[in-house]
Amino acid sequence: MENLEWSIKQALGNGAATEEIIEAIEVAIEMRGGSATVFARFAMNVIEYYGTTK
């Protein structure tokens, strides 16, 4: 999950909007189903943390 955290941090740091990252997460859920929901919860926590502490 460290790679996911790093990727989200980099995306936010390079100007990606939170909505764009969430859209990518939604696509992952569509493509991978249930297993992606585990990562989605973690990803949302990372977005919340780094999105407010930029």
Protein backbone atom coordinates (compact mmCIF):
# COMPACT_ATOMS: atom_id res chain seq x y z
CA MET A 1 0.00 0.00 0.00
CA GLU A 2 3.04 2.25 0.26
CA ASN A 3 3.08 2.52 -3.53
CA LEU A 4 -0.54 3.65 -3.54
CA GLU A 5 0.17 6.30 -0.91
CA TRP A 6 3.21 7.55 -2.84
CA SER A 7 1.23 7.70 -6.10
CA ILE A 8 -1.59 9.70 -4.54
CA LYS A 9 0.84 12.07 -2.83
CA GLN A 10 2.65 12.64 -6.13
CA ALA A 11 -0.60 13.17 -8.03
CA LEU A 12 -1.80 15.77 -5.53
CA GLY A 13 1.61 17.43 -5.51
CA ASN A 14 1.55 17.68 -9.30
CA GLY A 15 -1.82 19.39 -9.36
CA ALA A 16 -4.31 16.55 -9.72
CA ALA A 17 -7.70 17.42 -8.32
CA THR A 18 -9.12 15.20 -5.60
CA GLU A 19 -12.07 14.53 -7.89
CA GLU A 20 -9.73 13.17 -10.59
CA ILE A 21 -8.14 10.73 -8.16
CA ILE A 22 -11.53 9.62 -6.90
CA GLU A 23 -12.63 9.04 -10.49
CA ALA A 24 -9.59 6.79 -11.02
CA ILE A 25 -10.51 4.87 -7.87
CA GLU A 26 -14.07 4.43 -9.17
CA VAL A 27 -12.73 3.02 -12.43
CA ALA A 28 -10.52 0.60 -10.48
CA ILE A 29 -13.57 -0.60 -8.54
CA GLU A 30 -15.48 -1.09 -11.80
CA MET A 31 -12.62 -3.08 -13.30
CA ARG A 32 -11.50 -5.12 -10.27
CA GLY A 33 -14.66 -5.41 -8.23
CA GLY A 34 -14.55 -6.23 -4.54
CA SER A 35 -10.79 -6.42 -4.16
CA ALA A 36 -10.42 -2.79 -5.22
CA THR A 37 -12.74 -1.62 -2.46
CA VAL A 38 -10.12 -2.55 0.13
CA PHE A 39 -7.62 -0.25 -1.55
CA ALA A 40 -10.26 2.44 -2.11
CA ARG A 41 -10.79 2.90 1.61
CA PHE A 42 -7.06 3.29 2.17
CA ALA A 43 -6.80 5.65 -0.81
CA MET A 44 -9.56 7.87 0.54
CA ASN A 45 -7.73 8.13 3.88
CA VAL A 46 -4.54 9.11 2.04
CA ILE A 47 -6.40 11.72 -0.01
CA GLU A 48 -7.91 13.16 3.15
CA TYR A 49 -4.53 13.32 4.88
CA TYR A 50 -2.43 14.75 2.05
CA GLY A 51 -5.22 16.85 0.61
CA THR A 52 -5.43 18.84 3.81
CA THR A 53 -1.70 19.00 4.64
CA LYS A 54 -0.23 20.04 1.29
